Amino acid sequence: MDQPSSTTSDSSPASGAPEAGRAWLMLALATIGFAVNFWAWALLSPLGPRFKDSLDLSSFQQSLLVAVPVVVGSLGRIPVGTLTDRYGGRVMFPIVSAATIVPVLYLGLAGHSSLAALLVGGFFLGIGGTAFAVGVPLVNAWFPPERRGLAIGVFGAGMGGTAISALSTVKLVDAHSMSTPFLITAAVLAVYAVSAALLLRDAPGRTVPTEPLARRLASTVRLGITWQASALYAVAFGGYVAFSVYLPTYLKTGYGLTQADAANRMAGFVLLAVAMRPTGGWLSDRIGPVRVLAGSLSVVVAGALVQSFTPSLAPVGTIAFLAMAAALGAGSGATFALVTLLSPANQVGSVTGVVGAAGGLGGFLPPLVMGSLYGASGSYAVGLASTATPSPGGRGRHRGPPGR
């Protein structure tokens, strides 16, 4: 397959040693931006049980409420990733962050009084979830191939923004008002948007595609790595998203925990997954992403099967959930180590958009299925058992040219 034509800036390549310190600074700024946007993206999840009670929602309606931002943020990564290839993270990060402020303010000030209003606000809240497709190509361009696994893993730890939401949203609503967490998040987004516009830079020598967006997307979907990584990320990151948005509901309904206790336990799940994502990238740099993925997904299968029997939380259930959290985090990091290893330099954003969409969509369906199955049978066992998918085969470190 012919590669898209591209232009390159006059500066020296980003992998040069003099740029190393600046590369880590850009990584830090991108990771903060990812975390802030994911914080906004996850604002509705901790409040799901509260809205269920106050608006008399069914289990399916509650699941739909927390799933809508996920699917919009996931599909939105496809055009946003392609636009990032063209215009760079320096332009796209401030735009995405500023655009996310609008639905956050709407939900906090007026959009929480009915299911319809929440769904409208949740739809546009999905913009925050597209930040992932901005950060991966930005970070990728700043680091040489032998360090990209770790760098993308560190950036991926920004998904811990969902933990900020889990730990703070319910507490702020209880202590102040429903609008408080939304107003605070909007203010942080505004500060970051301005800071990113002033401080963020694209890598010198960044490859800039010149072909039209539609042609670049068509080229991206013909790459083998696009579909291989999409399938893997739908399981790894999709599993993380599904658990992080639905775990408070699952623990409250299935184990009778309070809303605050369920949110705190979800935050622990998220934090462990976040901590393991850089580890997955680091291990991929050393033993290869295929081996890391095979081990990670095997652990997910085992944990899901154990939890399908609804064991007591102390200690079996807790161990099963934490093992899955660690494995899903490491697997997510390994998937994008594979993407940056095998994707053409001028298509990393486009590939990231498609793969990121698959990951988010992988997290969209399980909450709906879990809510529907629980409503029909009064049990989560079938839904958890269905997450036990075979781990991928493969040996050793995956090297070679991008799949065609």
Protein backbone atom coordinates (compact mmCIF):
# COMPACT_ATOMS: atom_id res chain seq x y z
CA MET A 1 0.00 0.00 0.00
CA ASP A 2 1.34 3.42 -0.92
CA GLN A 3 2.05 5.67 2.01
CA PRO A 4 0.39 9.11 2.12
CA SER A 5 2.51 11.97 0.93
CA SER A 6 3.78 14.21 3.69
CA THR A 7 5.88 17.18 4.49
CA THR A 8 8.40 17.56 7.26
CA SER A 9 9.48 20.66 9.15
CA ASP A 10 13.01 21.97 8.73
CA SER A 11 14.03 21.18 12.30
CA SER A 12 16.10 18.19 13.29
CA PRO A 13 14.38 14.92 14.19
CA ALA A 14 12.75 14.67 17.59
CA SER A 15 14.83 11.66 18.58
CA GLY A 16 17.99 13.75 18.93
CA ALA A 17 19.58 13.87 22.39
CA PRO A 18 19.31 17.71 22.80
CA GLU A 19 15.52 17.40 22.67
CA ALA A 20 15.28 14.76 25.43
CA GLY A 21 14.49 17.15 28.29
CA ARG A 22 11.92 19.02 26.27
CA ALA A 23 10.33 15.73 25.22
CA TRP A 24 9.66 14.81 28.85
CA LEU A 25 8.17 18.26 29.49
CA MET A 26 5.79 17.83 26.55
CA LEU A 27 4.93 14.36 27.85
CA ALA A 28 4.07 15.83 31.25
CA LEU A 29 1.87 18.53 29.70
CA ALA A 30 0.09 16.01 27.48
CA THR A 31 -0.49 13.64 30.39
CA ILE A 32 -1.99 16.43 32.49
CA GLY A 33 -4.27 17.39 29.60
CA PHE A 34 -5.38 13.79 29.15
CA ALA A 35 -6.13 13.48 32.88
CA VAL A 36 -8.10 16.73 33.03
CA ASN A 37 -10.22 15.85 30.01
CA PHE A 38 -10.83 12.32 31.31
CA TRP A 39 -11.85 13.81 34.66
CA ALA A 40 -14.56 15.75 32.82
CA TRP A 41 -15.46 12.74 30.65
CA ALA A 42 -16.18 10.62 33.75
CA LEU A 43 -18.25 13.10 35.76
CA LEU A 44 -21.56 11.32 35.24
CA SER A 45 -20.44 7.83 36.27
CA PRO A 46 -20.12 8.40 40.06
CA LEU A 47 -23.49 10.14 40.06
CA GLY A 48 -25.27 7.32 38.22
CA PRO A 49 -26.81 5.76 41.36
CA ARG A 50 -27.94 9.19 42.58
CA PHE A 51 -29.65 9.98 39.29
CA LYS A 52 -31.22 6.50 39.32
CA ASP A 53 -32.88 7.27 42.65
CA SER A 54 -33.77 10.93 42.03
CA LEU A 55 -35.12 10.43 38.48
CA ASP A 56 -36.49 6.90 39.05
CA LEU A 57 -34.38 5.40 36.24
CA SER A 58 -34.38 1.75 35.26
CA SER A 59 -31.12 -0.22 35.33
CA PHE A 60 -30.88 0.09 31.54
CA GLN A 61 -31.50 3.85 31.60
CA GLN A 62 -28.81 4.31 34.24
CA SER A 63 -26.39 2.25 32.17
CA LEU A 64 -27.26 4.27 29.05
CA LEU A 65 -26.63 7.50 30.94
CA VAL A 66 -23.04 6.60 31.82
CA ALA A 67 -22.38 4.89 28.47
CA VAL A 68 -23.33 7.76 26.13
CA PRO A 69 -20.21 9.89 26.84
CA VAL A 70 -18.12 6.76 26.32
CA VAL A 71 -19.41 5.97 22.84
CA VAL A 72 -19.32 9.61 21.66
CA GLY A 73 -15.81 10.11 23.02
CA SER A 74 -14.74 6.88 21.37
CA LEU A 75 -16.11 7.55 17.90
CA GLY A 76 -14.91 11.15 18.10
CA ARG A 77 -11.32 9.93 18.36
CA ILE A 78 -11.35 8.91 14.72
CA PRO A 79 -11.67 12.43 13.22
CA VAL A 80 -9.75 14.02 16.11
CA GLY A 81 -6.80 11.67 15.63
CA THR A 82 -6.73 12.40 11.91
CA LEU A 83 -6.92 16.15 12.56
CA THR A 84 -4.05 15.83 15.05
CA ASP A 85 -1.88 14.23 12.37
CA ARG A 86 -2.53 17.31 10.24
CA TYR A 87 -2.57 20.20 12.75
CA GLY A 88 -0.61 18.80 15.70
CA GLY A 89 -1.30 18.47 19.39
CA ARG A 90 -0.35 22.09 20.05
CA VAL A 91 -3.52 23.16 18.21
CA MET A 92 -5.83 20.28 19.06
CA PHE A 93 -5.28 19.97 22.84
CA PRO A 94 -6.45 23.54 23.62
CA ILE A 95 -9.42 23.15 21.24
CA VAL A 96 -10.63 19.86 22.74
CA SER A 97 -10.16 21.12 26.30
CA ALA A 98 -12.01 24.37 25.65
CA ALA A 99 -14.85 22.61 23.83
CA THR A 100 -15.36 20.23 26.77
CA ILE A 101 -16.05 23.18 29.09
CA VAL A 102 -19.44 23.81 27.41
CA PRO A 103 -21.16 20.47 28.25
CA VAL A 104 -19.56 20.45 31.71
CA LEU A 105 -21.11 23.81 32.53
CA TYR A 106 -24.43 22.79 30.99
CA LEU A 107 -24.64 19.62 33.09
CA GLY A 108 -23.68 21.44 36.27
CA LEU A 109 -25.99 24.41 35.89
CA ALA A 110 -29.06 23.13 34.05
CA GLY A 111 -28.69 19.68 32.52
CA HIS A 112 -29.25 17.37 35.49
CA SER A 113 -33.00 17.70 36.03
CA SER A 114 -34.17 15.01 33.58
CA LEU A 115 -32.89 11.95 31.73
CA ALA A 116 -33.22 13.71 28.37
CA ALA A 117 -31.15 16.68 29.56
CA LEU A 118 -28.51 14.38 31.01
CA LEU A 119 -28.28 12.41 27.75
CA VAL A 120 -27.85 15.61 25.73
CA GLY A 121 -25.13 16.85 28.10
CA GLY A 122 -23.51 13.40 28.18
CA PHE A 123 -23.41 13.32 24.39
CA PHE A 124 -21.32 16.47 24.18
CA LEU A 125 -19.35 15.50 27.27
CA GLY A 126 -17.90 12.81 25.04
CA ILE A 127 -15.66 15.47 23.50
CA GLY A 128 -13.38 15.11 26.52
CA GLY A 129 -12.80 11.47 25.68
CA THR A 130 -11.23 12.38 22.33
CA ALA A 131 -8.17 13.89 24.07
CA PHE A 132 -6.50 10.48 23.97
CA ALA A 133 -6.23 10.65 20.17
CA VAL A 134 -4.49 14.03 20.49
CA GLY A 135 -1.86 12.97 23.00
CA VAL A 136 -0.61 9.71 21.48
CA PRO A 137 0.67 11.17 18.17
CA LEU A 138 2.07 14.21 20.00
CA VAL A 139 4.05 12.07 22.45
CA ASN A 140 5.02 9.51 19.82
CA ALA A 141 6.72 12.18 17.70
CA TRP A 142 8.83 13.39 20.63
CA PHE A 143 10.41 10.00 21.51
CA PRO A 144 12.66 7.51 19.68
CA PRO A 145 11.22 4.02 19.01
CA GLU A 146 13.08 2.34 21.88
CA ARG A 147 11.40 4.64 24.43
CA ARG A 148 7.94 4.99 22.96
CA GLY A 149 6.43 2.10 24.91
CA LEU A 150 7.29 3.74 28.23
CA ALA A 151 6.40 7.25 27.03
CA ILE A 152 2.98 6.24 25.68
CA GLY A 153 2.41 4.22 28.85
CA VAL A 154 3.16 7.26 31.01
CA PHE A 155 0.82 9.35 28.88
CA GLY A 156 -1.83 6.65 29.19
CA ALA A 157 -1.69 7.03 32.97
CA GLY A 158 -3.69 10.20 32.37
CA MET A 159 -6.73 7.92 32.28
CA GLY A 160 -6.44 8.30 36.05
CA GLY A 161 -8.52 11.42 35.57
CA THR A 162 -11.48 9.07 36.03
CA ALA A 163 -10.19 8.37 39.55
CA ILE A 164 -10.24 12.10 40.34
CA SER A 165 -13.88 12.12 39.34
CA ALA A 166 -14.64 8.99 41.36
CA LEU A 167 -12.98 10.32 44.51
CA SER A 168 -14.29 13.86 44.41
CA THR A 169 -17.62 14.13 42.58
CA VAL A 170 -19.97 12.56 45.13
CA LYS A 171 -18.18 14.20 48.05
CA LEU A 172 -18.42 17.65 46.46
CA VAL A 173 -22.12 17.19 45.70
CA ASP A 174 -22.81 16.05 49.28
CA ALA A 175 -20.81 18.90 50.80
CA HIS A 176 -21.98 21.69 48.51
CA SER A 177 -24.34 21.28 45.55
CA MET A 178 -24.83 19.35 42.32
CA SER A 179 -23.14 22.10 40.32
CA THR A 180 -19.94 22.22 42.41
CA PRO A 181 -17.89 19.38 40.80
CA PHE A 182 -18.89 20.57 37.32
CA LEU A 183 -17.88 24.18 38.00
CA ILE A 184 -14.52 23.11 39.44
CA THR A 185 -13.82 20.83 36.48
CA ALA A 186 -14.75 23.58 34.02
CA ALA A 187 -12.32 25.96 35.73
CA VAL A 188 -9.49 23.40 35.58
CA LEU A 189 -10.21 22.75 31.89
CA ALA A 190 -10.04 26.48 31.19
CA VAL A 191 -6.69 26.81 32.97
CA TYR A 192 -5.29 23.85 31.05
CA ALA A 193 -6.58 25.08 27.67
CA VAL A 194 -4.80 28.40 28.15
CA SER A 195 -1.63 26.74 29.48
CA ALA A 196 -1.52 24.27 26.58
CA ALA A 197 -1.93 27.07 24.04
CA LEU A 198 1.04 28.90 25.60
CA LEU A 199 3.39 26.02 26.46
CA LEU A 200 2.66 22.95 24.36
CA ARG A 201 4.81 22.35 21.27
CA ASP A 202 4.85 19.75 18.53
CA ALA A 203 8.06 17.81 17.99
CA PRO A 204 10.67 19.24 15.61
CA GLY A 205 10.67 17.22 12.42
CA ARG A 206 7.08 16.07 12.93
CA THR A 207 5.79 14.38 9.78
CA VAL A 208 2.78 16.31 8.47
CA PRO A 209 0.45 14.55 6.00
CA THR A 210 -0.85 16.61 3.09
CA GLU A 211 -3.59 14.36 1.70
CA PRO A 212 -7.28 15.08 2.40
CA LEU A 213 -8.78 13.72 5.62
CA ALA A 214 -11.04 11.18 3.89
CA ARG A 215 -8.17 9.72 1.89
CA ARG A 216 -5.99 9.44 4.98
CA LEU A 217 -8.77 7.64 6.87
CA ALA A 218 -9.20 5.24 3.97
CA SER A 219 -5.45 4.58 4.02
CA THR A 220 -5.54 3.99 7.77
CA VAL A 221 -8.26 1.35 7.63
CA ARG A 222 -6.21 -0.61 5.10
CA LEU A 223 -3.34 -1.02 7.56
CA GLY A 224 -3.20 -4.41 9.28
CA ILE A 225 -2.04 -2.88 12.57
CA THR A 226 -5.22 -0.78 12.72
CA TRP A 227 -7.48 -3.82 13.05
CA GLN A 228 -5.10 -5.96 15.06
CA ALA A 229 -4.65 -3.27 17.68
CA SER A 230 -8.35 -2.35 17.60
CA ALA A 231 -9.35 -5.88 18.59
CA LEU A 232 -6.81 -5.95 21.40
CA TYR A 233 -7.71 -2.49 22.70
CA ALA A 234 -11.43 -3.24 22.62
CA VAL A 235 -10.74 -5.94 25.21
CA ALA A 236 -7.99 -4.25 27.24
CA PHE A 237 -9.07 -0.62 27.46
CA GLY A 238 -12.71 -1.46 26.78
CA GLY A 239 -12.67 -3.68 29.85
CA TYR A 240 -11.14 -0.90 31.91
CA VAL A 241 -13.74 1.63 30.73
CA ALA A 242 -16.61 -0.78 31.32
CA PHE A 243 -15.53 -1.52 34.87
CA SER A 244 -14.69 2.07 35.72
CA VAL A 245 -18.09 3.41 34.61
CA TYR A 246 -20.21 0.52 35.88
CA LEU A 247 -18.37 -0.66 38.99
CA PRO A 248 -20.12 1.81 41.37
CA THR A 249 -23.50 0.53 40.19
CA TYR A 250 -22.38 -3.11 40.34
CA LEU A 251 -21.02 -2.82 43.88
CA LYS A 252 -24.02 -0.87 45.15
CA THR A 253 -26.56 -3.23 43.61
CA GLY A 254 -24.72 -6.54 43.88
CA TYR A 255 -23.08 -6.09 47.28
CA GLY A 256 -25.24 -3.45 48.95
CA LEU A 257 -22.41 -0.93 49.39
CA THR A 258 -23.11 2.75 49.94
CA GLN A 259 -22.61 5.08 47.00
CA ALA A 260 -19.52 6.64 48.59
CA ASP A 261 -17.96 3.26 49.42
CA ALA A 262 -18.64 1.96 45.92
CA ALA A 263 -17.08 5.09 44.37
CA ASN A 264 -13.98 4.74 46.57
CA ARG A 265 -13.52 1.11 45.55
CA MET A 266 -13.92 2.05 41.90
CA ALA A 267 -11.22 4.68 42.40
CA GLY A 268 -8.89 1.98 43.75
CA PHE A 269 -9.56 -0.14 40.66
CA VAL A 270 -8.82 2.83 38.41
CA LEU A 271 -5.63 3.85 40.24
CA LEU A 272 -4.15 0.36 39.99
CA ALA A 273 -4.97 0.17 36.27
CA VAL A 274 -3.41 3.60 35.79
CA ALA A 275 -0.24 2.61 37.64
CA MET A 276 0.12 -0.52 35.54
CA ARG A 277 -0.26 1.20 32.17
CA PRO A 278 3.29 2.65 32.14
CA THR A 279 4.49 -0.73 33.42
CA GLY A 280 2.87 -2.41 30.43
CA GLY A 281 4.61 0.02 28.09
CA TRP A 282 7.96 -0.40 29.85
CA LEU A 283 7.72 -4.20 29.71
CA SER A 284 6.81 -3.98 26.02
CA ASP A 285 10.03 -2.08 25.31
CA ARG A 286 11.94 -4.99 26.86
CA ILE A 287 10.12 -8.26 26.14
CA GLY A 288 7.74 -7.20 23.37
CA PRO A 289 4.11 -6.09 23.44
CA VAL A 290 2.71 -9.45 22.26
CA ARG A 291 4.01 -11.28 25.32
CA VAL A 292 2.70 -8.59 27.64
CA LEU A 293 -0.73 -8.71 26.00
CA ALA A 294 -0.94 -12.50 26.17
CA GLY A 295 -0.15 -12.51 29.90
CA SER A 296 -2.47 -9.60 30.67
CA LEU A 297 -5.52 -10.99 28.90
CA SER A 298 -5.02 -14.39 30.50
CA VAL A 299 -5.27 -12.74 33.92
CA VAL A 300 -8.45 -10.91 32.86
CA VAL A 301 -10.06 -14.20 31.83
CA ALA A 302 -9.23 -15.78 35.18
CA GLY A 303 -10.44 -12.79 37.20
CA ALA A 304 -13.74 -12.53 35.31
CA LEU A 305 -14.46 -16.23 35.75
CA VAL A 306 -13.81 -16.03 39.49
CA GLN A 307 -16.03 -12.96 39.91
CA SER A 308 -18.86 -14.53 37.90
CA PHE A 309 -19.51 -16.73 40.98
CA THR A 310 -20.07 -13.54 43.05
CA PRO A 311 -17.63 -14.40 45.84
CA SER A 312 -17.44 -12.32 49.01
CA LEU A 313 -15.59 -9.04 48.55
CA ALA A 314 -13.15 -9.85 51.33
CA PRO A 315 -10.83 -11.14 50.08
CA VAL A 316 -11.69 -13.10 46.90
CA GLY A 317 -13.80 -10.50 45.08
CA THR A 318 -11.36 -7.71 45.85
CA ILE A 319 -8.40 -9.78 44.65
CA ALA A 320 -10.23 -10.70 41.44
CA PHE A 321 -11.10 -7.09 40.64
CA LEU A 322 -7.62 -5.79 41.46
CA ALA A 323 -5.99 -8.51 39.35
CA MET A 324 -8.21 -7.53 36.42
CA ALA A 325 -7.42 -3.86 36.98
CA ALA A 326 -3.66 -4.49 36.88
CA ALA A 327 -3.95 -6.71 33.80
CA LEU A 328 -6.21 -4.31 31.89
CA GLY A 329 -3.87 -1.41 32.62
CA ALA A 330 -0.78 -3.32 31.49
CA GLY A 331 -2.59 -4.60 28.41
CA SER A 332 -3.68 -1.09 27.43
CA GLY A 333 -0.10 0.13 27.66
CA ALA A 334 1.17 -2.80 25.61
CA THR A 335 -1.42 -2.25 22.87
CA PHE A 336 -0.17 1.25 22.12
CA ALA A 337 3.43 0.15 22.36
CA LEU A 338 2.46 -2.11 19.46
CA VAL A 339 0.72 0.76 17.64
CA THR A 340 3.71 3.11 17.86
CA LEU A 341 6.06 0.30 16.84
CA LEU A 342 4.18 -0.67 13.69
CA SER A 343 2.31 2.44 12.50
CA PRO A 344 3.75 4.78 9.83
CA ALA A 345 4.96 8.01 11.46
CA ASN A 346 2.50 10.23 9.60
CA GLN A 347 -0.48 8.01 10.46
CA VAL A 348 -0.03 7.47 14.21
CA GLY A 349 -2.86 9.88 15.01
CA SER A 350 -5.22 8.28 12.51
CA VAL A 351 -4.43 4.76 13.72
CA THR A 352 -4.74 5.94 17.31
CA GLY A 353 -8.16 7.41 16.55
CA VAL A 354 -9.52 4.15 15.16
CA VAL A 355 -7.90 1.99 17.84
CA GLY A 356 -8.98 4.38 20.59
CA ALA A 357 -12.53 4.29 19.23
CA ALA A 358 -12.49 0.51 19.38
CA GLY A 359 -11.32 0.64 22.98
CA GLY A 360 -14.02 3.06 24.02
CA LEU A 361 -16.70 1.13 22.15
CA GLY A 362 -15.45 -1.98 23.87
CA GLY A 363 -16.43 -0.22 27.09
CA PHE A 364 -19.81 0.96 25.79
CA LEU A 365 -21.58 -2.35 25.35
CA PRO A 366 -20.77 -4.18 28.63
CA PRO A 367 -22.53 -1.66 30.95
CA LEU A 368 -25.66 -1.88 28.80
CA VAL A 369 -25.51 -5.68 28.77
CA MET A 370 -24.85 -5.84 32.51
CA GLY A 371 -27.77 -3.51 33.27
CA SER A 372 -30.13 -5.40 30.96
CA LEU A 373 -29.13 -8.84 32.26
CA TYR A 374 -29.44 -7.74 35.86
CA GLY A 375 -32.86 -6.23 35.17
CA ALA A 376 -33.99 -9.49 33.54
CA SER A 377 -32.41 -12.06 35.87
CA GLY A 378 -31.40 -10.25 39.06
CA SER A 379 -27.81 -11.53 38.63
CA TYR A 380 -24.55 -10.23 37.15
CA ALA A 381 -23.02 -13.69 36.74
CA VAL A 382 -23.79 -14.13 33.02
CA GLY A 383 -22.49 -10.66 32.17
CA LEU A 384 -19.20 -11.22 33.97
CA ALA A 385 -18.71 -14.67 32.49
CA SER A 386 -19.13 -13.19 29.00
CA THR A 387 -16.06 -10.99 29.52
CA ALA A 388 -13.83 -14.04 29.68
CA THR A 389 -12.36 -13.92 26.16
CA PRO A 390 -9.39 -15.93 24.90
CA SER A 391 -6.00 -14.27 25.14
CA PRO A 392 -4.07 -13.68 21.90
CA GLY A 393 -1.43 -16.00 20.69
CA GLY A 394 2.02 -14.96 19.54
CA ARG A 395 5.58 -15.38 20.59
CA GLY A 396 8.37 -13.02 21.32
CA ARG A 397 8.79 -9.43 20.32
CA HIS A 398 6.78 -8.25 17.34
CA ARG A 399 9.09 -6.57 14.88
CA GLY A 400 8.87 -5.72 11.26
CA PRO A 401 7.13 -3.27 8.94
CA PRO A 402 3.59 -2.04 9.49
CA GLY A 403 0.85 -4.46 8.53
CA ARG A 404 -0.55 -3.77 5.11
